[in-house]
N, C-alpha and C. Protein backbone atom coordinates (compact mmCIF):
# COMPACT_ATOMS: atom_id res chain seq x y z
N MET A 1 -47.54 8.07 -6.38
CA MET A 1 -46.69 8.16 -7.54
C MET A 1 -45.45 9.00 -7.24
N ASN A 2 -45.62 10.07 -6.45
CA ASN A 2 -44.48 10.90 -6.11
C ASN A 2 -43.44 10.13 -5.31
N ILE A 3 -43.91 9.24 -4.46
CA ILE A 3 -42.98 8.46 -3.65
C ILE A 3 -42.12 7.57 -4.56
N ASN A 4 -42.73 6.92 -5.52
CA ASN A 4 -41.98 6.07 -6.45
C ASN A 4 -41.00 6.88 -7.29
N MET A 5 -41.39 8.04 -7.72
CA MET A 5 -40.49 8.90 -8.51
C MET A 5 -39.31 9.35 -7.65
N ASN A 6 -39.59 9.73 -6.41
CA ASN A 6 -38.51 10.16 -5.52
C ASN A 6 -37.56 9.01 -5.22
N MET A 7 -38.12 7.83 -5.01
CA MET A 7 -37.28 6.66 -4.74
C MET A 7 -36.42 6.33 -5.95
N SER A 8 -37.01 6.39 -7.14
CA SER A 8 -36.23 6.06 -8.35
C SER A 8 -35.13 7.10 -8.57
N ARG A 9 -35.41 8.35 -8.30
CA ARG A 9 -34.37 9.38 -8.42
C ARG A 9 -33.25 9.15 -7.43
N SER A 10 -33.59 8.81 -6.19
CA SER A 10 -32.55 8.57 -5.18
C SER A 10 -31.74 7.33 -5.52
N ILE A 11 -32.38 6.31 -6.09
CA ILE A 11 -31.64 5.11 -6.49
C ILE A 11 -30.67 5.44 -7.61
N VAL A 12 -31.10 6.24 -8.58
CA VAL A 12 -30.22 6.62 -9.68
C VAL A 12 -29.06 7.46 -9.15
N GLN A 13 -29.33 8.38 -8.25
CA GLN A 13 -28.26 9.21 -7.69
C GLN A 13 -27.30 8.37 -6.87
N THR A 14 -27.83 7.44 -6.09
CA THR A 14 -26.98 6.57 -5.28
C THR A 14 -26.10 5.69 -6.15
N THR A 15 -26.67 5.15 -7.22
CA THR A 15 -25.90 4.31 -8.13
C THR A 15 -24.77 5.11 -8.76
N GLY A 16 -25.03 6.33 -9.15
CA GLY A 16 -23.98 7.18 -9.71
C GLY A 16 -22.90 7.49 -8.69
N ASN A 17 -23.31 7.76 -7.45
CA ASN A 17 -22.34 8.03 -6.39
C ASN A 17 -21.51 6.80 -6.07
N ASP A 18 -22.14 5.62 -6.12
CA ASP A 18 -21.40 4.38 -5.88
C ASP A 18 -20.34 4.16 -6.94
N GLU A 19 -20.68 4.43 -8.19
CA GLU A 19 -19.72 4.26 -9.28
C GLU A 19 -18.55 5.22 -9.12
N ILE A 20 -18.84 6.43 -8.72
CA ILE A 20 -17.78 7.41 -8.48
C ILE A 20 -16.91 6.97 -7.31
N GLY A 21 -17.56 6.50 -6.25
CA GLY A 21 -16.82 6.03 -5.08
C GLY A 21 -15.91 4.85 -5.41
N VAL A 22 -16.39 3.93 -6.23
CA VAL A 22 -15.59 2.78 -6.63
C VAL A 22 -14.41 3.24 -7.47
N ALA A 23 -14.63 4.19 -8.35
CA ALA A 23 -13.54 4.70 -9.19
C ALA A 23 -12.47 5.38 -8.33
N VAL A 24 -12.90 6.16 -7.36
CA VAL A 24 -11.94 6.82 -6.46
C VAL A 24 -11.20 5.78 -5.63
N LEU A 25 -11.91 4.76 -5.17
CA LEU A 25 -11.26 3.69 -4.39
C LEU A 25 -10.22 2.96 -5.23
N ARG A 26 -10.53 2.69 -6.49
CA ARG A 26 -9.56 2.02 -7.37
C ARG A 26 -8.32 2.88 -7.57
N LYS A 27 -8.51 4.18 -7.73
CA LYS A 27 -7.35 5.09 -7.87
C LYS A 27 -6.51 5.08 -6.60
N ALA A 28 -7.16 5.09 -5.44
CA ALA A 28 -6.43 5.08 -4.17
C ALA A 28 -5.66 3.78 -3.99
N ILE A 29 -6.27 2.67 -4.36
CA ILE A 29 -5.58 1.37 -4.24
C ILE A 29 -4.39 1.32 -5.18
N ALA A 30 -4.55 1.82 -6.40
CA ALA A 30 -3.45 1.84 -7.35
C ALA A 30 -2.30 2.71 -6.85
N SER A 31 -2.65 3.84 -6.25
CA SER A 31 -1.63 4.73 -5.70
C SER A 31 -0.90 4.08 -4.54
N ASP A 32 -1.64 3.41 -3.66
CA ASP A 32 -1.02 2.71 -2.54
C ASP A 32 -0.13 1.58 -3.03
N ALA A 33 -0.57 0.88 -4.06
CA ALA A 33 0.23 -0.21 -4.60
C ALA A 33 1.55 0.32 -5.18
N GLN A 34 1.49 1.45 -5.86
CA GLN A 34 2.71 2.04 -6.42
C GLN A 34 3.65 2.47 -5.30
N GLY A 35 3.10 3.05 -4.23
CA GLY A 35 3.93 3.45 -3.10
C GLY A 35 4.57 2.25 -2.42
N ALA A 36 3.82 1.18 -2.26
CA ALA A 36 4.36 -0.04 -1.65
C ALA A 36 5.45 -0.64 -2.53
N LYS A 37 5.24 -0.62 -3.83
CA LYS A 37 6.23 -1.17 -4.75
C LYS A 37 7.54 -0.39 -4.66
N SER A 38 7.45 0.93 -4.59
CA SER A 38 8.68 1.72 -4.50
C SER A 38 9.39 1.52 -3.17
N LEU A 39 8.62 1.31 -2.09
CA LEU A 39 9.25 1.01 -0.80
C LEU A 39 9.96 -0.33 -0.82
N ILE A 40 9.34 -1.32 -1.43
CA ILE A 40 9.96 -2.65 -1.51
C ILE A 40 11.22 -2.59 -2.36
N GLU A 41 11.18 -1.84 -3.43
CA GLU A 41 12.37 -1.72 -4.29
C GLU A 41 13.50 -0.96 -3.60
N ALA A 42 13.17 -0.15 -2.60
CA ALA A 42 14.19 0.63 -1.90
C ALA A 42 14.95 -0.20 -0.86
N ILE A 43 14.45 -1.38 -0.54
CA ILE A 43 15.12 -2.24 0.45
C ILE A 43 16.40 -2.76 -0.18
N PRO A 44 17.54 -2.62 0.52
CA PRO A 44 18.79 -3.11 -0.06
C PRO A 44 18.79 -4.63 -0.15
N LYS A 45 19.43 -5.13 -1.17
CA LYS A 45 19.53 -6.58 -1.37
C LYS A 45 20.48 -7.17 -0.35
N PRO A 46 20.21 -8.38 0.17
CA PRO A 46 21.03 -8.96 1.24
C PRO A 46 22.50 -9.16 0.86
N GLY A 47 22.80 -9.52 -0.36
CA GLY A 47 24.18 -9.79 -0.74
C GLY A 47 25.00 -8.55 -1.01
N LEU A 48 24.42 -7.38 -1.00
CA LEU A 48 25.14 -6.17 -1.36
C LEU A 48 25.88 -5.52 -0.19
N VAL A 49 25.66 -6.00 1.05
CA VAL A 49 26.38 -5.46 2.21
C VAL A 49 27.74 -6.14 2.26
N LYS A 50 28.78 -5.34 2.13
CA LYS A 50 30.13 -5.91 2.10
C LYS A 50 30.78 -5.80 3.47
N ALA A 51 31.59 -6.77 3.79
CA ALA A 51 32.27 -6.80 5.09
C ALA A 51 33.25 -5.63 5.23
N GLU A 52 33.75 -5.14 4.14
CA GLU A 52 34.72 -4.04 4.21
C GLU A 52 34.07 -2.74 4.67
N ASN A 53 32.74 -2.64 4.57
CA ASN A 53 32.04 -1.45 5.02
C ASN A 53 31.70 -1.50 6.50
N LEU A 54 31.92 -2.64 7.14
CA LEU A 54 31.59 -2.81 8.55
C LEU A 54 32.81 -2.56 9.42
N PRO A 55 32.59 -2.18 10.67
CA PRO A 55 33.72 -2.02 11.59
C PRO A 55 34.41 -3.36 11.82
N PRO A 56 35.73 -3.33 12.10
CA PRO A 56 36.49 -4.59 12.22
C PRO A 56 36.10 -5.44 13.43
N HIS A 57 35.49 -4.84 14.47
CA HIS A 57 35.15 -5.63 15.65
C HIS A 57 33.87 -6.45 15.50
N LEU A 58 33.08 -6.18 14.48
CA LEU A 58 31.84 -6.92 14.27
C LEU A 58 32.11 -8.30 13.69
N GLY A 59 31.43 -9.29 14.19
CA GLY A 59 31.55 -10.64 13.68
C GLY A 59 32.70 -11.44 14.28
N GLN A 60 33.33 -10.93 15.31
CA GLN A 60 34.48 -11.63 15.91
C GLN A 60 34.07 -12.54 17.08
N HIS A 61 32.93 -12.25 17.71
CA HIS A 61 32.51 -13.02 18.88
C HIS A 61 31.04 -13.41 18.77
N ILE A 62 30.72 -14.55 19.37
CA ILE A 62 29.34 -15.02 19.41
C ILE A 62 28.90 -15.04 20.86
N ASN A 63 27.75 -14.40 21.18
CA ASN A 63 27.22 -14.39 22.53
C ASN A 63 26.35 -15.63 22.70
N VAL A 64 26.84 -16.60 23.45
CA VAL A 64 26.10 -17.85 23.64
C VAL A 64 25.34 -17.87 24.96
N THR A 65 25.43 -16.81 25.76
CA THR A 65 24.74 -16.79 27.04
C THR A 65 23.49 -15.92 27.02
N ALA A 66 23.10 -15.46 25.89
CA ALA A 66 21.98 -14.55 25.80
C ALA A 66 20.66 -15.24 26.06
């Protein structure tokens, strides 16, 4: 009988620890998702780079022997 009681106690404790672990994992995933979203939003849009901000020698020649 003691073995069954000990097993049931360990199962209850493990189940509680699993629920806590899942909750912590969900928080970590949400935090990572927010960080990834902010990094993606920080990428400059392709059309926003203006030619006037570039040096005049860029875009004048094409290297066809590369």
